[in-house]
Amino acid sequence: MGSKMTTSSTQIYQIFSILKKRNLFFIDSLTTSESLCKPSARLLQLPFAQRDVFIDHFQKPDFIRKQINLLIRIADKHGEAIGIAHPHIITYNILRELLPELQKKVQLVPASKLVHIPS
């Protein structure tokens, strides 16, 4: 959707209205601190969540592993966490490599299990 659009109340209202009608949800990647998504979701009673960790904004294996470990720590502390990654081959390979370890430490669930109506 893009950072710029998430700061436009008119555009967010239009998009969120359609999502609400279709019984969908929204997860904000939080690429800007000026995002209006959470208050808009609250206003429209749209199921919503936001990312906790960007996994691969630097395409370095050690960085990606570090971000995955951060995501695990956040999930342990808060009971849940959302990580967002890009469809890069390096990210895929590291996730595939770490999947057995991830499955021992956390329960992987669909994004729909982590959204709720903001209070």
PDB file of N, CA and C in Angstrom:
ATOM      1  N   MET A   1       0.834  -1.181   0.000  1.00  0.00           N
ATOM      2  CA  MET A   1       0.000   0.000   0.000  1.00  0.00           C
ATOM      3  C   MET A   1       0.877   1.242   0.000  1.00  0.00           C
ATOM      4  N   GLY A   2       1.939   1.225   0.750  1.00  0.00           N
ATOM      5  CA  GLY A   2       2.862   2.336   0.739  1.00  0.00           C
ATOM      6  C   GLY A   2       2.687   3.277   1.901  1.00  0.00           C
ATOM      7  N   SER A   3       3.803   3.816   2.326  1.00  0.00           N
ATOM      8  CA  SER A   3       3.814   4.716   3.477  1.00  0.00           C
ATOM      9  C   SER A   3       2.949   5.946   3.262  1.00  0.00           C
ATOM     10  N   LYS A   4       3.026   6.526   2.086  1.00  0.00           N
ATOM     11  CA  LYS A   4       2.283   7.762   1.825  1.00  0.00           C
ATOM     12  C   LYS A   4       0.778   7.554   1.967  1.00  0.00           C
ATOM     13  N   MET A   5       0.289   6.446   1.459  1.00  0.00           N
ATOM     14  CA  MET A   5      -1.148   6.201   1.524  1.00  0.00           C
ATOM     15  C   MET A   5      -1.619   5.989   2.962  1.00  0.00           C
ATOM     16  N   THR A   6      -0.786   5.394   3.796  1.00  0.00           N
ATOM     17  CA  THR A   6      -1.204   5.133   5.171  1.00  0.00           C
ATOM     18  C   THR A   6      -1.302   6.408   6.002  1.00  0.00           C
ATOM     19  N   THR A   7      -0.845   7.520   5.445  1.00  0.00           N
ATOM     20  CA  THR A   7      -0.945   8.807   6.148  1.00  0.00           C
ATOM     21  C   THR A   7      -2.098   9.661   5.637  1.00  0.00           C
ATOM     22  N   SER A   8      -2.853   9.148   4.694  1.00  0.00           N
ATOM     23  CA  SER A   8      -3.981   9.888   4.116  1.00  0.00           C
ATOM     24  C   SER A   8      -5.291   9.342   4.668  1.00  0.00           C
ATOM     25  N   SER A   9      -5.951  10.138   5.505  1.00  0.00           N
ATOM     26  CA  SER A   9      -7.184   9.660   6.136  1.00  0.00           C
ATOM     27  C   SER A   9      -8.272   9.336   5.111  1.00  0.00           C
ATOM     28  N   THR A  10      -8.356  10.107   4.032  1.00  0.00           N
ATOM     29  CA  THR A  10      -9.380   9.858   3.016  1.00  0.00           C
ATOM     30  C   THR A  10      -9.143   8.521   2.327  1.00  0.00           C
ATOM     31  N   GLN A  11      -7.908   8.260   1.936  1.00  0.00           N
ATOM     32  CA  GLN A  11      -7.604   7.008   1.253  1.00  0.00           C
ATOM     33  C   GLN A  11      -7.739   5.808   2.193  1.00  0.00           C
ATOM     34  N   ILE A  12      -7.275   5.962   3.413  1.00  0.00           N
ATOM     35  CA  ILE A  12      -7.395   4.863   4.380  1.00  0.00           C
ATOM     36  C   ILE A  12      -8.867   4.558   4.641  1.00  0.00           C
ATOM     37  N   TYR A  13      -9.686   5.592   4.800  1.00  0.00           N
ATOM     38  CA  TYR A  13     -11.117   5.382   5.039  1.00  0.00           C
ATOM     39  C   TYR A  13     -11.736   4.585   3.885  1.00  0.00           C
ATOM     40  N   GLN A  14     -11.399   4.957   2.649  1.00  0.00           N
ATOM     41  CA  GLN A  14     -11.956   4.261   1.489  1.00  0.00           C
ATOM     42  C   GLN A  14     -11.519   2.785   1.479  1.00  0.00           C
ATOM     43  N   ILE A  15     -10.260   2.555   1.696  1.00  0.00           N
ATOM     44  CA  ILE A  15      -9.738   1.179   1.672  1.00  0.00           C
ATOM     45  C   ILE A  15     -10.307   0.365   2.828  1.00  0.00           C
ATOM     46  N   PHE A  16     -10.293   0.931   4.018  1.00  0.00           N
ATOM     47  CA  PHE A  16     -10.782   0.201   5.182  1.00  0.00           C
ATOM     48  C   PHE A  16     -12.280  -0.068   5.089  1.00  0.00           C
ATOM     49  N   SER A  17     -13.022   0.820   4.479  1.00  0.00           N
ATOM     50  CA  SER A  17     -14.464   0.589   4.289  1.00  0.00           C
ATOM     51  C   SER A  17     -14.698  -0.640   3.407  1.00  0.00           C
ATOM     52  N   ILE A  18     -13.909  -0.776   2.379  1.00  0.00           N
ATOM     53  CA  ILE A  18     -14.029  -1.940   1.497  1.00  0.00           C
ATOM     54  C   ILE A  18     -13.606  -3.214   2.236  1.00  0.00           C
ATOM     55  N   LEU A  19     -12.504  -3.139   2.979  1.00  0.00           N
ATOM     56  CA  LEU A  19     -12.058  -4.306   3.749  1.00  0.00           C
ATOM     57  C   LEU A  19     -13.135  -4.745   4.731  1.00  0.00           C
ATOM     58  N   LYS A  20     -13.747  -3.782   5.385  1.00  0.00           N
ATOM     59  CA  LYS A  20     -14.797  -4.080   6.382  1.00  0.00           C
ATOM     60  C   LYS A  20     -15.984  -4.781   5.706  1.00  0.00           C
ATOM     61  N   LYS A  21     -16.423  -4.260   4.569  1.00  0.00           N
ATOM     62  CA  LYS A  21     -17.552  -4.854   3.843  1.00  0.00           C
ATOM     63  C   LYS A  21     -17.257  -6.297   3.426  1.00  0.00           C
ATOM     64  N   ARG A  22     -16.003  -6.587   3.162  1.00  0.00           N
ATOM     65  CA  ARG A  22     -15.610  -7.914   2.690  1.00  0.00           C
ATOM     66  C   ARG A  22     -15.123  -8.828   3.821  1.00  0.00           C
ATOM     67  N   ASN A  23     -15.305  -8.369   5.059  1.00  0.00           N
ATOM     68  CA  ASN A  23     -14.879  -9.142   6.238  1.00  0.00           C
ATOM     69  C   ASN A  23     -13.398  -9.519   6.188  1.00  0.00           C
ATOM     70  N   LEU A  24     -12.589  -8.552   5.789  1.00  0.00           N
ATOM     71  CA  LEU A  24     -11.149  -8.752   5.731  1.00  0.00           C
ATOM     72  C   LEU A  24     -10.482  -8.008   6.884  1.00  0.00           C
ATOM     73  N   PHE A  25      -9.176  -8.066   6.962  1.00  0.00           N
ATOM     74  CA  PHE A  25      -8.435  -7.384   8.016  1.00  0.00           C
ATOM     75  C   PHE A  25      -7.267  -6.646   7.393  1.00  0.00           C
ATOM     76  N   PHE A  26      -6.561  -5.888   8.220  1.00  0.00           N
ATOM     77  CA  PHE A  26      -5.414  -5.121   7.729  1.00  0.00           C
ATOM     78  C   PHE A  26      -4.252  -5.267   8.699  1.00  0.00           C
ATOM     79  N   ILE A  27      -3.063  -5.497   8.149  1.00  0.00           N
ATOM     80  CA  ILE A  27      -1.845  -5.495   8.948  1.00  0.00           C
ATOM     81  C   ILE A  27      -0.953  -4.379   8.424  1.00  0.00           C
ATOM     82  N   ASP A  28      -0.656  -3.446   9.312  1.00  0.00           N
ATOM     83  CA  ASP A  28       0.162  -2.287   8.957  1.00  0.00           C
ATOM     84  C   ASP A  28       1.634  -2.659   9.070  1.00  0.00           C
ATOM     85  N   SER A  29       2.381  -2.397   8.014  1.00  0.00           N
ATOM     86  CA  SER A  29       3.815  -2.671   8.057  1.00  0.00           C
ATOM     87  C   SER A  29       4.566  -1.585   8.821  1.00  0.00           C
ATOM     88  N   LEU A  30       3.876  -0.528   9.192  1.00  0.00           N
ATOM     89  CA  LEU A  30       4.446   0.564   9.993  1.00  0.00           C
ATOM     90  C   LEU A  30       5.732   1.111   9.391  1.00  0.00           C
ATOM     91  N   THR A  31       5.673   1.458   8.134  1.00  0.00           N
ATOM     92  CA  THR A  31       6.846   2.026   7.489  1.00  0.00           C
ATOM     93  C   THR A  31       6.980   3.517   7.746  1.00  0.00           C
ATOM     94  N   THR A  32       5.975   4.094   8.414  1.00  0.00           N
ATOM     95  CA  THR A  32       6.055   5.497   8.815  1.00  0.00           C
ATOM     96  C   THR A  32       5.398   5.665  10.180  1.00  0.00           C
ATOM     97  N   SER A  33       5.965   6.538  10.978  1.00  0.00           N
ATOM     98  CA  SER A  33       5.374   6.808  12.295  1.00  0.00           C
ATOM     99  C   SER A  33       4.109   7.646  12.167  1.00  0.00           C
ATOM    100  N   GLU A  34       3.831   8.147  10.985  1.00  0.00           N
ATOM    101  CA  GLU A  34       2.647   8.983  10.748  1.00  0.00           C
ATOM    102  C   GLU A  34       1.446   8.171  10.262  1.00  0.00           C
ATOM    103  N   SER A  35       1.524   6.860  10.331  1.00  0.00           N
ATOM    104  CA  SER A  35       0.442   6.000   9.879  1.00  0.00           C
ATOM    105  C   SER A  35      -0.843   6.292  10.648  1.00  0.00           C
ATOM    106  N   LEU A  36      -1.930   6.348   9.914  1.00  0.00           N
ATOM    107  CA  LEU A  36      -3.261   6.559  10.498  1.00  0.00           C
ATOM    108  C   LEU A  36      -4.063   5.257  10.547  1.00  0.00           C
ATOM    109  N   CYS A  37      -3.403   4.164  10.291  1.00  0.00           N
ATOM    110  CA  CYS A  37      -4.107   2.885  10.172  1.00  0.00           C
ATOM    111  C   CYS A  37      -4.748   2.433  11.472  1.00  0.00           C
ATOM    112  N   LYS A  38      -4.023   2.486  12.575  1.00  0.00           N
ATOM    113  CA  LYS A  38      -4.589   1.981  13.832  1.00  0.00           C
ATOM    114  C   LYS A  38      -5.809   2.783  14.272  1.00  0.00           C
ATOM    115  N   PRO A  39      -5.740   4.122  14.332  1.00  0.00           N
ATOM    116  CA  PRO A  39      -6.952   4.855  14.725  1.00  0.00           C
ATOM    117  C   PRO A  39      -8.099   4.681  13.725  1.00  0.00           C
ATOM    118  N   SER A  40      -7.762   4.537  12.457  1.00  0.00           N
ATOM    119  CA  SER A  40      -8.807   4.326  11.449  1.00  0.00           C
ATOM    120  C   SER A  40      -9.461   2.962  11.625  1.00  0.00           C
ATOM    121  N   ALA A  41      -8.655   1.946  11.915  1.00  0.00           N
ATOM    122  CA  ALA A  41      -9.207   0.609  12.160  1.00  0.00           C
ATOM    123  C   ALA A  41     -10.097   0.632  13.395  1.00  0.00           C
ATOM    124  N   ARG A  42      -9.660   1.358  14.420  1.00  0.00           N
ATOM    125  CA  ARG A  42     -10.470   1.476  15.646  1.00  0.00           C
ATOM    126  C   ARG A  42     -11.809   2.133  15.311  1.00  0.00           C
ATOM    127  N   LEU A  43     -11.773   3.222  14.573  1.00  0.00           N
ATOM    128  CA  LEU A  43     -12.986   3.956  14.218  1.00  0.00           C
ATOM    129  C   LEU A  43     -13.967   3.087  13.425  1.00  0.00           C
ATOM    130  N   LEU A  44     -13.443   2.324  12.482  1.00  0.00           N
ATOM    131  CA  LEU A  44     -14.308   1.497  11.629  1.00  0.00           C
ATOM    132  C   LEU A  44     -14.519   0.089  12.173  1.00  0.00           C
ATOM    133  N   GLN A  45     -13.912  -0.213  13.340  1.00  0.00           N
ATOM    134  CA  GLN A  45     -14.035  -1.547  13.942  1.00  0.00           C
ATOM    135  C   GLN A  45     -13.560  -2.630  12.970  1.00  0.00           C
ATOM    136  N   LEU A  46     -12.404  -2.371  12.349  1.00  0.00           N
ATOM    137  CA  LEU A  46     -11.797  -3.303  11.405  1.00  0.00           C
ATOM    138  C   LEU A  46     -10.711  -4.105  12.119  1.00  0.00           C
ATOM    139  N   PRO A  47     -10.734  -5.421  12.015  1.00  0.00           N
ATOM    140  CA  PRO A  47      -9.653  -6.210  12.607  1.00  0.00           C
ATOM    141  C   PRO A  47      -8.299  -5.750  12.061  1.00  0.00           C
ATOM    142  N   PHE A  48      -7.332  -5.610  12.972  1.00  0.00           N
ATOM    143  CA  PHE A  48      -6.089  -4.915  12.643  1.00  0.00           C
ATOM    144  C   PHE A  48      -4.936  -5.471  13.471  1.00  0.00           C
ATOM    145  N   ALA A  49      -3.742  -5.360  12.928  1.00  0.00           N
ATOM    146  CA  ALA A  49      -2.509  -5.631  13.667  1.00  0.00           C
ATOM    147  C   ALA A  49      -1.401  -4.828  12.997  1.00  0.00           C
ATOM    148  N   GLN A  50      -0.278  -4.742  13.663  1.00  0.00           N
ATOM    149  CA  GLN A  50       0.861  -4.077  13.049  1.00  0.00           C
ATOM    150  C   GLN A  50       2.117  -4.891  13.305  1.00  0.00           C
ATOM    151  N   ARG A  51       3.068  -4.749  12.421  1.00  0.00           N
ATOM    152  CA  ARG A  51       4.283  -5.553  12.511  1.00  0.00           C
ATOM    153  C   ARG A  51       5.108  -5.154  13.723  1.00  0.00           C
ATOM    154  N   ASP A  52       5.791  -6.144  14.245  1.00  0.00           N
ATOM    155  CA  ASP A  52       6.717  -5.926  15.342  1.00  0.00           C
ATOM    156  C   ASP A  52       8.144  -5.817  14.841  1.00  0.00           C
ATOM    157  N   VAL A  53       8.467  -6.599  13.821  1.00  0.00           N
ATOM    158  CA  VAL A  53       9.844  -6.639  13.325  1.00  0.00           C
ATOM    159  C   VAL A  53       9.848  -6.748  11.800  1.00  0.00           C
ATOM    160  N   PHE A  54      10.666  -5.903  11.159  1.00  0.00           N
ATOM    161  CA  PHE A  54      10.997  -6.110   9.756  1.00  0.00           C
ATOM    162  C   PHE A  54      12.172  -7.069   9.749  1.00  0.00           C
ATOM    163  N   ILE A  55      12.033  -8.150   9.056  1.00  0.00           N
ATOM    164  CA  ILE A  55      13.031  -9.212   9.111  1.00  0.00           C
ATOM    165  C   ILE A  55      14.214  -8.967   8.176  1.00  0.00           C
ATOM    166  N   ASP A  56      13.963  -8.383   7.032  1.00  0.00           N
ATOM    167  CA  ASP A  56      15.027  -8.366   6.023  1.00  0.00           C
ATOM    168  C   ASP A  56      15.213  -7.042   5.290  1.00  0.00           C
ATOM    169  N   HIS A  57      15.085  -5.930   5.998  1.00  0.00           N
ATOM    170  CA  HIS A  57      15.309  -4.663   5.302  1.00  0.00           C
ATOM    171  C   HIS A  57      16.785  -4.459   4.964  1.00  0.00           C
ATOM    172  N   PHE A  58      17.651  -5.278   5.548  1.00  0.00           N
ATOM    173  CA  PHE A  58      19.036  -5.387   5.098  1.00  0.00           C
ATOM    174  C   PHE A  58      19.230  -6.831   4.654  1.00  0.00           C
ATOM    175  N   GLN A  59      19.715  -7.014   3.462  1.00  0.00           N
ATOM    176  CA  GLN A  59      19.842  -8.340   2.855  1.00  0.00           C
ATOM    177  C   GLN A  59      21.157  -9.015   3.252  1.00  0.00           C
ATOM    178  N   LYS A  60      21.342  -9.191   4.533  1.00  0.00           N
ATOM    179  CA  LYS A  60      22.548  -9.848   5.047  1.00  0.00           C
ATOM    180  C   LYS A  60      22.107 -11.011   5.926  1.00  0.00           C
ATOM    181  N   PRO A  61      22.656 -12.205   5.705  1.00  0.00           N
ATOM    182  CA  PRO A  61      22.222 -13.379   6.467  1.00  0.00           C
ATOM    183  C   PRO A  61      22.275 -13.185   7.983  1.00  0.00           C
ATOM    184  N   ASP A  62      23.353 -12.627   8.503  1.00  0.00           N
ATOM    185  CA  ASP A  62      23.459 -12.437   9.955  1.00  0.00           C
ATOM    186  C   ASP A  62      22.402 -11.470  10.471  1.00  0.00           C
ATOM    187  N   PHE A  63      22.111 -10.435   9.699  1.00  0.00           N
ATOM    188  CA  PHE A  63      21.079  -9.481  10.101  1.00  0.00           C
ATOM    189  C   PHE A  63      19.714 -10.156  10.132  1.00  0.00           C
ATOM    190  N   ILE A  64      19.407 -10.938   9.116  1.00  0.00           N
ATOM    191  CA  ILE A  64      18.107 -11.618   9.045  1.00  0.00           C
ATOM    192  C   ILE A  64      17.951 -12.583  10.222  1.00  0.00           C
ATOM    193  N   ARG A  65      18.994 -13.323  10.531  1.00  0.00           N
ATOM    194  CA  ARG A  65      18.945 -14.230  11.685  1.00  0.00           C
ATOM    195  C   ARG A  65      18.730 -13.457  12.982  1.00  0.00           C
ATOM    196  N   LYS A  66      19.414 -12.332  13.116  1.00  0.00           N
ATOM    197  CA  LYS A  66      19.259 -11.487  14.307  1.00  0.00           C
ATOM    198  C   LYS A  66      17.814 -10.983  14.435  1.00  0.00           C
ATOM    199  N   GLN A  67      17.221 -10.590  13.336  1.00  0.00           N
ATOM    200  CA  GLN A  67      15.842 -10.093  13.357  1.00  0.00           C
ATOM    201  C   GLN A  67      14.858 -11.205  13.707  1.00  0.00           C
ATOM    202  N   ILE A  68      15.106 -12.397  13.219  1.00  0.00           N
ATOM    203  CA  ILE A  68      14.243 -13.528  13.557  1.00  0.00           C
ATOM    204  C   ILE A  68      14.340 -13.830  15.053  1.00  0.00           C
ATOM    205  N   ASN A  69      15.537 -13.770  15.590  1.00  0.00           N
ATOM    206  CA  ASN A  69      15.702 -13.974  17.041  1.00  0.00           C
ATOM    207  C   ASN A  69      15.010 -12.877  17.834  1.00  0.00           C
ATOM    208  N   LEU A  70      15.054 -11.650  17.342  1.00  0.00           N
ATOM    209  CA  LEU A  70      14.332 -10.555  17.994  1.00  0.00           C
ATOM    210  C   LEU A  70      12.833 -10.829  17.978  1.00  0.00           C
ATOM    211  N   LEU A  71      12.330 -11.294  16.869  1.00  0.00           N
ATOM    212  CA  LEU A  71      10.910 -11.630  16.752  1.00  0.00           C
ATOM    213  C   LEU A  71      10.517 -12.710  17.758  1.00  0.00           C
ATOM    214  N   ILE A  72      11.364 -13.706  17.928  1.00  0.00           N
ATOM    215  CA  ILE A  72      11.109 -14.764  18.903  1.00  0.00           C
ATOM    216  C   ILE A  72      11.067 -14.187  20.321  1.00  0.00           C
ATOM    217  N   ARG A  73      12.007 -13.313  20.640  1.00  0.00           N
ATOM    218  CA  ARG A  73      12.029 -12.702  21.986  1.00  0.00           C
ATOM    219  C   ARG A  73      10.765 -11.877  22.240  1.00  0.00           C
ATOM    220  N   ILE A  74      10.321 -11.140  21.245  1.00  0.00           N
ATOM    221  CA  ILE A  74       9.093 -10.343  21.396  1.00  0.00           C
ATOM    222  C   ILE A  74       7.895 -11.271  21.598  1.00  0.00           C
ATOM    223  N   ALA A  75       7.829 -12.350  20.833  1.00  0.00           N
ATOM    224  CA  ALA A  75       6.729 -13.312  20.980  1.00  0.00           C
ATOM    225  C   ALA A  75       6.743 -13.936  22.366  1.00  0.00           C
ATOM    226  N   ASP A  76       7.923 -14.266  22.870  1.00  0.00           N
ATOM    227  CA  ASP A  76       8.033 -14.830  24.221  1.00  0.00           C
ATOM    228  C   ASP A  76       7.543 -13.827  25.265  1.00  0.00           C
ATOM    229  N   LYS A  77       7.915 -12.588  25.091  1.00  0.00           N
ATOM    230  CA  LYS A  77       7.564 -11.553  26.077  1.00  0.00           C
ATOM    231  C   LYS A  77       6.083 -11.179  26.036  1.00  0.00           C
ATOM    232  N   HIS A  78       5.523 -11.068  24.832  1.00  0.00           N
ATOM    233  CA  HIS A  78       4.159 -10.557  24.682  1.00  0.00           C
ATOM    234  C   HIS A  78       3.127 -11.622  24.303  1.00  0.00           C
ATOM    235  N   GLY A  79       3.589 -12.832  24.055  1.00  0.00           N
ATOM    236  CA  GLY A  79       2.658 -13.894  23.692  1.00  0.00           C
ATOM    237  C   GLY A  79       2.380 -13.990  22.208  1.00  0.00           C
ATOM    238  N   GLU A  80       2.806 -13.000  21.467  1.00  0.00           N
ATOM    239  CA  GLU A  80       2.633 -13.005  20.013  1.00  0.00           C
ATOM    240  C   GLU A  80       3.533 -11.940  19.409  1.00  0.00           C
ATOM    241  N   ALA A  81       3.810 -12.083  18.125  1.00  0.00           N
ATOM    242  CA  ALA A  81       4.602 -11.089  17.402  1.00  0.00           C
ATOM    243  C   ALA A  81       4.392 -11.294  15.911  1.00  0.00           C
ATOM    244  N   ILE A  82       4.496 -10.211  15.183  1.00  0.00           N
ATOM    245  CA  ILE A  82       4.330 -10.254  13.732  1.00  0.00           C
ATOM    246  C   ILE A  82       5.622  -9.778  13.083  1.00  0.00           C
ATOM    247  N   GLY A  83       6.141 -10.615  12.202  1.00  0.00           N
ATOM    248  CA  GLY A  83       7.309 -10.254  11.413  1.00  0.00           C
ATOM    249  C   GLY A  83       6.906 -10.106   9.963  1.00  0.00           C
ATOM    250  N   ILE A  84       7.493  -9.127   9.316  1.00  0.00           N
ATOM    251  CA  ILE A  84       7.237  -8.919   7.894  1.00  0.00           C
ATOM    252  C   ILE A  84       8.565  -9.039   7.154  1.00  0.00           C
ATOM    253  N   ALA A  85       8.529  -9.754   6.041  1.00  0.00           N
ATOM    254  CA  ALA A  85       9.720  -9.938   5.219  1.00  0.00           C
ATOM    255  C   ALA A  85       9.343  -9.748   3.751  1.00  0.00           C
ATOM    256  N   HIS A  86      10.351  -9.560   2.955  1.00  0.00           N
ATOM    257  CA  HIS A  86      10.175  -9.445   1.511  1.00  0.00           C
ATOM    258  C   HIS A  86      10.391 -10.825   0.875  1.00  0.00           C
ATOM    259  N   PRO A  87       9.922 -11.019  -0.333  1.00  0.00           N
ATOM    260  CA  PRO A  87      10.081 -12.329  -0.978  1.00  0.00           C
ATOM    261  C   PRO A  87      11.452 -12.489  -1.640  1.00  0.00           C
ATOM    262  N   HIS A  88      12.505 -12.243  -0.857  1.00  0.00           N
ATOM    263  CA  HIS A  88      13.862 -12.388  -1.379  1.00  0.00           C
ATOM    264  C   HIS A  88      14.344 -13.818  -1.152  1.00  0.00           C
ATOM    265  N   ILE A  89      15.139 -14.312  -2.054  1.00  0.00           N
ATOM    266  CA  ILE A  89      15.642 -15.683  -1.957  1.00  0.00           C
ATOM    267  C   ILE A  89      16.471 -15.869  -0.692  1.00  0.00           C
ATOM    268  N   ILE A  90      17.232 -14.868  -0.301  1.00  0.00           N
ATOM    269  CA  ILE A  90      18.057 -14.991   0.901  1.00  0.00           C
ATOM    270  C   ILE A  90      17.164 -15.156   2.137  1.00  0.00           C
ATOM    271  N   THR A  91      16.075 -14.405   2.186  1.00  0.00           N
ATOM    272  CA  THR A  91      15.139 -14.511   3.311  1.00  0.00           C
ATOM    273  C   THR A  91      14.496 -15.888   3.317  1.00  0.00           C
ATOM    274  N   TYR A  92      14.059 -16.335   2.167  1.00  0.00           N
ATOM    275  CA  TYR A  92      13.456 -17.663   2.051  1.00  0.00           C
ATOM    276  C   TYR A  92      14.420 -18.741   2.538  1.00  0.00           C
ATOM    277  N   ASN A  93      15.648 -18.670   2.087  1.00  0.00           N
ATOM    278  CA  ASN A  93      16.630 -19.701   2.454  1.00  0.00           C
ATOM    279  C   ASN A  93      16.900 -19.720   3.952  1.00  0.00           C
ATOM    280  N   ILE A  94      16.999 -18.550   4.556  1.00  0.00           N
ATOM    281  CA  ILE A  94      17.260 -18.496   5.994  1.00  0.00           C
ATOM    282  C   ILE A  94      16.040 -18.962   6.778  1.00  0.00           C
ATOM    283  N   LEU A  95      14.853 -18.572   6.352  1.00  0.00           N
ATOM    284  CA  LEU A  95      13.640 -19.061   7.024  1.00  0.00           C
ATOM    285  C   LEU A  95      13.530 -20.579   6.900  1.00  0.00           C
ATOM    286  N   ARG A  96      13.847 -21.103   5.751  1.00  0.00           N
ATOM    287  CA  ARG A  96      13.808 -22.561   5.559  1.00  0.00           C
ATOM    288  C   ARG A  96      14.833 -23.246   6.469  1.00  0.00           C
ATOM    289  N   GLU A  97      16.006 -22.658   6.569  1.00  0.00           N
ATOM    290  CA  GLU A  97      17.057 -23.202   7.432  1.00  0.00           C
ATOM    291  C   GLU A  97      16.649 -23.178   8.907  1.00  0.00           C
ATOM    292  N   LEU A  98      15.996 -22.083   9.326  1.00  0.00           N
ATOM    293  CA  LEU A  98      15.657 -21.902  10.741  1.00  0.00           C
ATOM    294  C   LEU A  98      14.293 -22.474  11.125  1.00  0.00           C
ATOM    295  N   LEU A  99      13.523 -22.936  10.166  1.00  0.00           N
ATOM    296  CA  LEU A  99      12.160 -23.394  10.456  1.00  0.00           C
ATOM    297  C   LEU A  99      12.090 -24.457  11.555  1.00  0.00           C
ATOM    298  N   PRO A 100      12.925 -25.488  11.543  1.00  0.00           N
ATOM    299  CA  PRO A 100      12.835 -26.478  12.633  1.00  0.00           C
ATOM    300  C   PRO A 100      13.054 -25.844  14.016  1.00  0.00           C
ATOM    301  N   GLU A 101      14.001 -24.922  14.112  1.00  0.00           N
ATOM    302  CA  GLU A 101      14.264 -24.241  15.382  1.00  0.00           C
ATOM    303  C   GLU A 101      13.098 -23.321  15.761  1.00  0.00           C
ATOM    304  N   LEU A 102      12.560 -22.621  14.776  1.00  0.00           N
ATOM    305  CA  LEU A 102      11.407 -21.745  15.022  1.00  0.00           C
ATOM    306  C   LEU A 102      10.224 -22.538  15.558  1.00  0.00           C
ATOM    307  N   GLN A 103       9.959 -23.676  14.960  1.00  0.00           N
ATOM    308  CA  GLN A 103       8.811 -24.489  15.367  1.00  0.00           C
ATOM    309  C   GLN A 103       8.958 -25.039  16.776  1.00  0.00           C
ATOM    310  N   LYS A 104      10.175 -25.154  17.269  1.00  0.00           N
ATOM    311  CA  LYS A 104      10.398 -25.589  18.649  1.00  0.00           C
ATOM    312  C   LYS A 104      10.172 -24.444  19.633  1.00  0.00           C
ATOM    313  N   LYS A 105      10.397 -23.204  19.195  1.00  0.00           N
ATOM    314  CA  LYS A 105      10.354 -22.057  20.100  1.00  0.00           C
ATOM    315  C   LYS A 105       9.024 -21.310  20.095  1.00  0.00           C
ATOM    316  N   VAL A 106       8.356 -21.286  18.955  1.00  0.00           N
ATOM    317  CA  VAL A 106       7.103 -20.536  18.837  1.00  0.00           C
ATOM    318  C   VAL A 106       6.101 -21.326  18.014  1.00  0.00           C
ATOM    319  N   GLN A 107       4.847 -20.946  18.154  1.00  0.00           N
ATOM    320  CA  GLN A 107       3.803 -21.539  17.321  1.00  0.00           C
ATOM    321  C   GLN A 107       3.565 -20.587  16.151  1.00  0.00           C
ATOM    322  N   LEU A 108       3.751 -21.064  14.949  1.00  0.00           N
ATOM    323  CA  LEU A 108       3.502 -20.251  13.764  1.00  0.00           C
ATOM    324  C   LEU A 108       2.019 -20.341  13.429  1.00  0.00           C
ATOM    325  N   VAL A 109       1.383 -19.182  13.249  1.00  0.00           N
ATOM    326  CA  VAL A 109      -0.054 -19.143  12.983  1.00  0.00           C
ATOM    327  C   VAL A 109      -0.332 -18.224  11.800  1.00  0.00           C
ATOM    328  N   PRO A 110      -1.490 -18.385  11.175  1.00  0.00           N
ATOM    329  CA  PRO A 110      -1.873 -17.456  10.104  1.00  0.00           C
ATOM    330  C   PRO A 110      -2.036 -16.039  10.660  1.00  0.00           C
ATOM    331  N   ALA A 111      -1.801 -15.075   9.837  1.00  0.00           N
ATOM    332  CA  ALA A 111      -1.934 -13.670  10.247  1.00  0.00           C
ATOM    333  C   ALA A 111      -3.331 -13.374  10.795  1.00  0.00           C
ATOM    334  N   SER A 112      -4.331 -14.045  10.274  1.00  0.00           N
ATOM    335  CA  SER A 112      -5.707 -13.796  10.724  1.00  0.00           C
ATOM    336  C   SER A 112      -5.902 -14.099  12.204  1.00  0.00           C
ATOM    337  N   LYS A 113      -5.031 -14.912  12.801  1.00  0.00           N
ATOM    338  CA  LYS A 113      -5.132 -15.242  14.221  1.00  0.00           C
ATOM    339  C   LYS A 113      -4.594 -14.127  15.117  1.00  0.00           C
ATOM    340  N   LEU A 114      -3.892 -13.157  14.535  1.00  0.00           N
ATOM    341  CA  LEU A 114      -3.249 -12.115  15.336  1.00  0.00           C
ATOM    342  C   LEU A 114      -3.909 -10.745  15.208  1.00  0.00           C
ATOM    343  N   VAL A 115      -4.958 -10.665  14.414  1.00  0.00           N
ATOM    344  CA  VAL A 115      -5.642  -9.377  14.270  1.00  0.00           C
ATOM    345  C   VAL A 115      -6.782  -9.264  15.268  1.00  0.00           C
ATOM    346  N   HIS A 116      -7.082  -8.046  15.670  1.00  0.00           N
ATOM    347  CA  HIS A 116      -8.208  -7.780  16.559  1.00  0.00           C
ATOM    348  C   HIS A 116      -8.660  -6.341  16.326  1.00  0.00           C
ATOM    349  N   ILE A 117      -9.807  -6.012  16.839  1.00  0.00           N
ATOM    350  CA  ILE A 117     -10.312  -4.649  16.728  1.00  0.00           C
ATOM    351  C   ILE A 117      -9.590  -3.801  17.779  1.00  0.00           C
ATOM    352  N   PRO A 118      -8.867  -2.781  17.348  1.00  0.00           N
ATOM    353  CA  PRO A 118      -8.116  -1.967  18.313  1.00  0.00           C
ATOM    354  C   PRO A 118      -9.019  -1.293  19.341  1.00  0.00           C
ATOM    355  N   SER A 119      -8.520  -1.218  20.555  1.00  0.00           N
ATOM    356  CA  SER A 119      -9.302  -0.533  21.598  1.00  0.00           C
ATOM    357  C   SER A 119      -8.797   0.875  21.804  1.00  0.00           C
TER     358      SER A 119
END
